[in-house]
Structures are given as structure tokens and as C-alpha cells.
Amino acid sequence: MLESYEEGGEYKSPSGLRFKVLFKAQHGQDCSWPMVVYTNLEPTKDAPTGKIWTIAESIFLRTFSDF
């Protein structure tokens, strides 16, 4: 579990794959809900390298770890 993260930082997903945080964002329908926009640095089982992903910041902090 992460306490914080940085734009440009690399983190490990629950499956052990490397991801890079691109930037922090806000949810389009509720700007009080912080989001993380990130990309995979290696292929996943369902996407090639370089796919753009978004997730709620609270979920990112709970599920990703330092690489």
C-alpha cells in the first residue's frame, strides 16, 4: 500500500507489472474525486505496452506499490 505517489513515478500493480503515473486528474462528473492517469510499461494480459489507464486515487494507493 502506498502513502503517496509522484507524477512520472513507476509503480508495481497487484499482478507485478510496471506502470508509470502520467499525471493526476479529477473525475469529470465530480471534481472532488481525485484520479490517477497512468500507462503500462510492459504488456498486460489484455493490452499492449503504452495503454492509457485511469483509476481513483484511493484505489491506486491501496493496490499499487513502489517498484
PDB file of N, CA and C in Angstrom:
ATOM      1  N   MET A   1       0.836  -1.186   0.000  1.00  0.00           N
ATOM      2  CA  MET A   1       0.000   0.000   0.000  1.00  0.00           C
ATOM      3  C   MET A   1       0.882   1.251   0.000  1.00  0.00           C
ATOM      4  N   LEU A   2       0.568   2.174  -0.877  1.00  0.00           N
ATOM      5  CA  LEU A   2       1.314   3.425  -0.988  1.00  0.00           C
ATOM      6  C   LEU A   2       0.708   4.492  -0.083  1.00  0.00           C
ATOM      7  N   GLU A   3       1.559   5.391   0.419  1.00  0.00           N
ATOM      8  CA  GLU A   3       1.064   6.557   1.148  1.00  0.00           C
ATOM      9  C   GLU A   3       0.943   7.754   0.223  1.00  0.00           C
ATOM     10  N   SER A   4       1.767   7.768  -0.835  1.00  0.00           N
ATOM     11  CA  SER A   4       1.730   8.844  -1.817  1.00  0.00           C
ATOM     12  C   SER A   4       2.336   8.325  -3.121  1.00  0.00           C
ATOM     13  N   TYR A   5       2.268   9.149  -4.149  1.00  0.00           N
ATOM     14  CA  TYR A   5       2.840   8.805  -5.445  1.00  0.00           C
ATOM     15  C   TYR A   5       3.257  10.091  -6.141  1.00  0.00           C
ATOM     16  N   GLU A   6       4.086   9.952  -7.170  1.00  0.00           N
ATOM     17  CA  GLU A   6       4.578  11.112  -7.912  1.00  0.00           C
ATOM     18  C   GLU A   6       4.256  10.983  -9.384  1.00  0.00           C
ATOM     19  N   GLU A   7       3.981  12.110 -10.021  1.00  0.00           N
ATOM     20  CA  GLU A   7       3.847  12.118 -11.467  1.00  0.00           C
ATOM     21  C   GLU A   7       5.194  11.707 -12.040  1.00  0.00           C
ATOM     22  N   GLY A   8       5.199  10.794 -12.980  1.00  0.00           N
ATOM     23  CA  GLY A   8       6.429  10.292 -13.576  1.00  0.00           C
ATOM     24  C   GLY A   8       7.015   9.106 -12.824  1.00  0.00           C
ATOM     25  N   GLY A   9       6.453   8.790 -11.661  1.00  0.00           N
ATOM     26  CA  GLY A   9       6.943   7.665 -10.874  1.00  0.00           C
ATOM     27  C   GLY A   9       6.490   6.327 -11.439  1.00  0.00           C
ATOM     28  N   GLU A  10       7.286   5.284 -11.192  1.00  0.00           N
ATOM     29  CA  GLU A  10       6.950   3.930 -11.622  1.00  0.00           C
ATOM     30  C   GLU A  10       6.493   3.123 -10.419  1.00  0.00           C
ATOM     31  N   TYR A  11       5.432   2.350 -10.628  1.00  0.00           N
ATOM     32  CA  TYR A  11       4.825   1.588  -9.550  1.00  0.00           C
ATOM     33  C   TYR A  11       4.473   0.191 -10.035  1.00  0.00           C
ATOM     34  N   LYS A  12       4.320  -0.714  -9.090  1.00  0.00           N
ATOM     35  CA  LYS A  12       4.025  -2.108  -9.399  1.00  0.00           C
ATOM     36  C   LYS A  12       2.542  -2.372  -9.137  1.00  0.00           C
ATOM     37  N   SER A  13       1.899  -2.999 -10.108  1.00  0.00           N
ATOM     38  CA  SER A  13       0.493  -3.360  -9.975  1.00  0.00           C
ATOM     39  C   SER A  13       0.366  -4.613  -9.114  1.00  0.00           C
ATOM     40  N   PRO A  14      -0.846  -4.964  -8.716  1.00  0.00           N
ATOM     41  CA  PRO A  14      -1.041  -6.199  -7.952  1.00  0.00           C
ATOM     42  C   PRO A  14      -0.545  -7.442  -8.700  1.00  0.00           C
ATOM     43  N   SER A  15      -0.523  -7.381 -10.028  1.00  0.00           N
ATOM     44  CA  SER A  15      -0.039  -8.523 -10.824  1.00  0.00           C
ATOM     45  C   SER A  15       1.477  -8.504 -11.016  1.00  0.00           C
ATOM     46  N   GLY A  16       2.155  -7.469 -10.471  1.00  0.00           N
ATOM     47  CA  GLY A  16       3.607  -7.398 -10.553  1.00  0.00           C
ATOM     48  C   GLY A  16       4.152  -6.667 -11.765  1.00  0.00           C
ATOM     49  N   LEU A  17       3.293  -6.059 -12.570  1.00  0.00           N
ATOM     50  CA  LEU A  17       3.728  -5.343 -13.765  1.00  0.00           C
ATOM     51  C   LEU A  17       4.047  -3.883 -13.443  1.00  0.00           C
ATOM     52  N   ARG A  18       4.941  -3.292 -14.245  1.00  0.00           N
ATOM     53  CA  ARG A  18       5.346  -1.892 -14.050  1.00  0.00           C
ATOM     54  C   ARG A  18       4.404  -0.935 -14.770  1.00  0.00           C
ATOM     55  N   PHE A  19       4.034   0.121 -14.055  1.00  0.00           N
ATOM     56  CA  PHE A  19       3.209   1.186 -14.599  1.00  0.00           C
ATOM     57  C   PHE A  19       3.841   2.521 -14.234  1.00  0.00           C
ATOM     58  N   LYS A  20       3.611   3.523 -15.069  1.00  0.00           N
ATOM     59  CA  LYS A  20       4.151   4.866 -14.833  1.00  0.00           C
ATOM     60  C   LYS A  20       2.994   5.848 -14.707  1.00  0.00           C
ATOM     61  N   VAL A  21       2.991   6.638 -13.640  1.00  0.00           N
ATOM     62  CA  VAL A  21       1.964   7.660 -13.453  1.00  0.00           C
ATOM     63  C   VAL A  21       2.265   8.807 -14.416  1.00  0.00           C
ATOM     64  N   LEU A  22       1.291   9.163 -15.229  1.00  0.00           N
ATOM     65  CA  LEU A  22       1.451  10.271 -16.165  1.00  0.00           C
ATOM     66  C   LEU A  22       1.090  11.598 -15.506  1.00  0.00           C
ATOM     67  N   PHE A  23      -0.076  11.640 -14.860  1.00  0.00           N
ATOM     68  CA  PHE A  23      -0.488  12.854 -14.166  1.00  0.00           C
ATOM     69  C   PHE A  23      -1.686  12.584 -13.271  1.00  0.00           C
ATOM     70  N   LYS A  24      -1.922  13.539 -12.379  1.00  0.00           N
ATOM     71  CA  LYS A  24      -3.098  13.500 -11.521  1.00  0.00           C
ATOM     72  C   LYS A  24      -4.230  14.204 -12.264  1.00  0.00           C
ATOM     73  N   ALA A  25      -5.456  13.739 -12.038  1.00  0.00           N
ATOM     74  CA  ALA A  25      -6.614  14.321 -12.714  1.00  0.00           C
ATOM     75  C   ALA A  25      -7.786  14.351 -11.737  1.00  0.00           C
ATOM     76  N   GLN A  26      -8.919  14.824 -12.227  1.00  0.00           N
ATOM     77  CA  GLN A  26     -10.138  14.824 -11.434  1.00  0.00           C
ATOM     78  C   GLN A  26     -11.235  14.166 -12.242  1.00  0.00           C
ATOM     79  N   HIS A  27     -12.153  13.521 -11.556  1.00  0.00           N
ATOM     80  CA  HIS A  27     -13.272  12.857 -12.216  1.00  0.00           C
ATOM     81  C   HIS A  27     -14.132  13.899 -12.924  1.00  0.00           C
ATOM     82  N   GLY A  28     -14.583  13.588 -14.124  1.00  0.00           N
ATOM     83  CA  GLY A  28     -15.331  14.538 -14.940  1.00  0.00           C
ATOM     84  C   GLY A  28     -16.699  14.912 -14.401  1.00  0.00           C
ATOM     85  N   GLN A  29     -17.299  14.072 -13.584  1.00  0.00           N
ATOM     86  CA  GLN A  29     -18.622  14.380 -13.050  1.00  0.00           C
ATOM     87  C   GLN A  29     -18.594  14.794 -11.584  1.00  0.00           C
ATOM     88  N   ASP A  30     -17.454  14.640 -10.942  1.00  0.00           N
ATOM     89  CA  ASP A  30     -17.307  15.048  -9.541  1.00  0.00           C
ATOM     90  C   ASP A  30     -15.853  15.397  -9.306  1.00  0.00           C
ATOM     91  N   CYS A  31     -15.513  16.677  -9.414  1.00  0.00           N
ATOM     92  CA  CYS A  31     -14.107  17.085  -9.357  1.00  0.00           C
ATOM     93  C   CYS A  31     -13.492  16.925  -7.962  1.00  0.00           C
ATOM     94  N   SER A  32     -14.272  16.538  -6.974  1.00  0.00           N
ATOM     95  CA  SER A  32     -13.700  16.264  -5.654  1.00  0.00           C
ATOM     96  C   SER A  32     -13.121  14.855  -5.578  1.00  0.00           C
ATOM     97  N   TRP A  33     -13.287  14.076  -6.639  1.00  0.00           N
ATOM     98  CA  TRP A  33     -12.806  12.701  -6.674  1.00  0.00           C
ATOM     99  C   TRP A  33     -11.496  12.660  -7.457  1.00  0.00           C
ATOM    100  N   PRO A  34     -10.320  12.612  -6.777  1.00  0.00           N
ATOM    101  CA  PRO A  34      -9.038  12.599  -7.474  1.00  0.00           C
ATOM    102  C   PRO A  34      -8.804  11.286  -8.223  1.00  0.00           C
ATOM    103  N   MET A  35      -8.205  11.399  -9.383  1.00  0.00           N
ATOM    104  CA  MET A  35      -7.935  10.263 -10.252  1.00  0.00           C
ATOM    105  C   MET A  35      -6.445  10.221 -10.587  1.00  0.00           C
ATOM    106  N   VAL A  36      -5.969   9.046 -10.978  1.00  0.00           N
ATOM    107  CA  VAL A  36      -4.597   8.856 -11.428  1.00  0.00           C
ATOM    108  C   VAL A  36      -4.656   8.370 -12.874  1.00  0.00           C
ATOM    109  N   VAL A  37      -3.921   9.040 -13.747  1.00  0.00           N
ATOM    110  CA  VAL A  37      -3.808   8.623 -15.143  1.00  0.00           C
ATOM    111  C   VAL A  37      -2.420   8.022 -15.310  1.00  0.00           C
ATOM    112  N   TYR A  38      -2.354   6.811 -15.831  1.00  0.00           N
ATOM    113  CA  TYR A  38      -1.085   6.084 -15.885  1.00  0.00           C
ATOM    114  C   TYR A  38      -1.015   5.208 -17.129  1.00  0.00           C
ATOM    115  N   THR A  39       0.170   4.677 -17.398  1.00  0.00           N
ATOM    116  CA  THR A  39       0.378   3.828 -18.564  1.00  0.00           C
ATOM    117  C   THR A  39       1.182   2.594 -18.160  1.00  0.00           C
ATOM    118  N   ASN A  40       0.951   1.510 -18.876  1.00  0.00           N
ATOM    119  CA  ASN A  40       1.703   0.282 -18.594  1.00  0.00           C
ATOM    120  C   ASN A  40       3.027   0.300 -19.357  1.00  0.00           C
ATOM    121  N   LEU A  41       4.091  -0.076 -18.664  1.00  0.00           N
ATOM    122  CA  LEU A  41       5.429  -0.091 -19.246  1.00  0.00           C
ATOM    123  C   LEU A  41       5.788  -1.455 -19.827  1.00  0.00           C
ATOM    124  N   GLU A  42       4.904  -2.399 -19.665  1.00  0.00           N
ATOM    125  CA  GLU A  42       5.051  -3.723 -20.272  1.00  0.00           C
ATOM    126  C   GLU A  42       3.644  -4.227 -20.590  1.00  0.00           C
ATOM    127  N   PRO A  43       3.521  -5.146 -21.531  1.00  0.00           N
ATOM    128  CA  PRO A  43       2.184  -5.591 -21.912  1.00  0.00           C
ATOM    129  C   PRO A  43       1.464  -6.291 -20.757  1.00  0.00           C
ATOM    130  N   THR A  44       0.146  -6.091 -20.711  1.00  0.00           N
ATOM    131  CA  THR A  44      -0.694  -6.810 -19.762  1.00  0.00           C
ATOM    132  C   THR A  44      -1.367  -7.953 -20.511  1.00  0.00           C
ATOM    133  N   LYS A  45      -2.153  -8.737 -19.814  1.00  0.00           N
ATOM    134  CA  LYS A  45      -2.834  -9.849 -20.488  1.00  0.00           C
ATOM    135  C   LYS A  45      -3.892  -9.362 -21.475  1.00  0.00           C
ATOM    136  N   ASP A  46      -4.322  -8.106 -21.338  1.00  0.00           N
ATOM    137  CA  ASP A  46      -5.380  -7.612 -22.223  1.00  0.00           C
ATOM    138  C   ASP A  46      -5.050  -6.308 -22.947  1.00  0.00           C
ATOM    139  N   ALA A  47      -3.793  -5.829 -22.854  1.00  0.00           N
ATOM    140  CA  ALA A  47      -3.444  -4.577 -23.526  1.00  0.00           C
ATOM    141  C   ALA A  47      -1.954  -4.526 -23.829  1.00  0.00           C
ATOM    142  N   PRO A  48      -1.585  -3.910 -24.959  1.00  0.00           N
ATOM    143  CA  PRO A  48      -0.165  -3.747 -25.282  1.00  0.00           C
ATOM    144  C   PRO A  48       0.469  -2.654 -24.423  1.00  0.00           C
ATOM    145  N   THR A  49       1.775  -2.592 -24.413  1.00  0.00           N
ATOM    146  CA  THR A  49       2.504  -1.531 -23.717  1.00  0.00           C
ATOM    147  C   THR A  49       2.038  -0.172 -24.225  1.00  0.00           C
ATOM    148  N   GLY A  50       1.928   0.792 -23.315  1.00  0.00           N
ATOM    149  CA  GLY A  50       1.571   2.154 -23.705  1.00  0.00           C
ATOM    150  C   GLY A  50       0.101   2.480 -23.615  1.00  0.00           C
ATOM    151  N   LYS A  51      -0.714   1.565 -23.167  1.00  0.00           N
ATOM    152  CA  LYS A  51      -2.145   1.828 -22.997  1.00  0.00           C
ATOM    153  C   LYS A  51      -2.311   2.874 -21.891  1.00  0.00           C
ATOM    154  N   ILE A  52      -3.283   3.766 -22.043  1.00  0.00           N
ATOM    155  CA  ILE A  52      -3.559   4.788 -21.038  1.00  0.00           C
ATOM    156  C   ILE A  52      -4.691   4.279 -20.143  1.00  0.00           C
ATOM    157  N   TRP A  53      -4.448   4.376 -18.830  1.00  0.00           N
ATOM    158  CA  TRP A  53      -5.408   3.887 -17.837  1.00  0.00           C
ATOM    159  C   TRP A  53      -5.768   5.018 -16.877  1.00  0.00           C
ATOM    160  N   THR A  54      -6.921   4.904 -16.227  1.00  0.00           N
ATOM    161  CA  THR A  54      -7.294   5.836 -15.171  1.00  0.00           C
ATOM    162  C   THR A  54      -7.943   5.057 -14.034  1.00  0.00           C
ATOM    163  N   ILE A  55      -7.709   5.520 -12.820  1.00  0.00           N
ATOM    164  CA  ILE A  55      -8.225   4.851 -11.630  1.00  0.00           C
ATOM    165  C   ILE A  55      -8.392   5.895 -10.527  1.00  0.00           C
ATOM    166  N   ALA A  56      -9.330   5.661  -9.640  1.00  0.00           N
ATOM    167  CA  ALA A  56      -9.479   6.547  -8.485  1.00  0.00           C
ATOM    168  C   ALA A  56      -8.190   6.525  -7.660  1.00  0.00           C
ATOM    169  N   GLU A  57      -7.772   7.700  -7.204  1.00  0.00           N
ATOM    170  CA  GLU A  57      -6.532   7.797  -6.449  1.00  0.00           C
ATOM    171  C   GLU A  57      -6.541   6.882  -5.217  1.00  0.00           C
ATOM    172  N   SER A  58      -7.656   6.808  -4.525  1.00  0.00           N
ATOM    173  CA  SER A  58      -7.725   5.963  -3.324  1.00  0.00           C
ATOM    174  C   SER A  58      -7.500   4.493  -3.649  1.00  0.00           C
ATOM    175  N   ILE A  59      -7.998   4.038  -4.777  1.00  0.00           N
ATOM    176  CA  ILE A  59      -7.792   2.645  -5.197  1.00  0.00           C
ATOM    177  C   ILE A  59      -6.344   2.433  -5.626  1.00  0.00           C
ATOM    178  N   PHE A  60      -5.791   3.407  -6.366  1.00  0.00           N
ATOM    179  CA  PHE A  60      -4.384   3.313  -6.772  1.00  0.00           C
ATOM    180  C   PHE A  60      -3.483   3.171  -5.551  1.00  0.00           C
ATOM    181  N   LEU A  61      -3.688   4.014  -4.542  1.00  0.00           N
ATOM    182  CA  LEU A  61      -2.861   3.976  -3.337  1.00  0.00           C
ATOM    183  C   LEU A  61      -2.988   2.641  -2.597  1.00  0.00           C
ATOM    184  N   ARG A  62      -4.169   2.066  -2.597  1.00  0.00           N
ATOM    185  CA  ARG A  62      -4.401   0.796  -1.890  1.00  0.00           C
ATOM    186  C   ARG A  62      -3.845  -0.402  -2.622  1.00  0.00           C
ATOM    187  N   THR A  63      -3.821  -0.354  -3.962  1.00  0.00           N
ATOM    188  CA  THR A  63      -3.496  -1.565  -4.728  1.00  0.00           C
ATOM    189  C   THR A  63      -2.120  -1.569  -5.373  1.00  0.00           C
ATOM    190  N   PHE A  64      -1.520  -0.408  -5.625  1.00  0.00           N
ATOM    191  CA  PHE A  64      -0.187  -0.367  -6.231  1.00  0.00           C
ATOM    192  C   PHE A  64       0.876  -0.247  -5.146  1.00  0.00           C
ATOM    193  N   SER A  65       2.111  -0.567  -5.488  1.00  0.00           N
ATOM    194  CA  SER A  65       3.223  -0.453  -4.547  1.00  0.00           C
ATOM    195  C   SER A  65       4.442   0.113  -5.259  1.00  0.00           C
ATOM    196  N   ASP A  66       5.447   0.529  -4.474  1.00  0.00           N
ATOM    197  CA  ASP A  66       6.697   1.034  -5.067  1.00  0.00           C
ATOM    198  C   ASP A  66       7.340  -0.076  -5.877  1.00  0.00           C
ATOM    199  N   PHE A  67       7.976   0.309  -6.979  1.00  0.00           N
ATOM    200  CA  PHE A  67       8.609  -0.695  -7.825  1.00  0.00           C
ATOM    201  C   PHE A  67      10.036  -0.932  -7.398  1.00  0.00           C
TER     202      PHE A  67
END
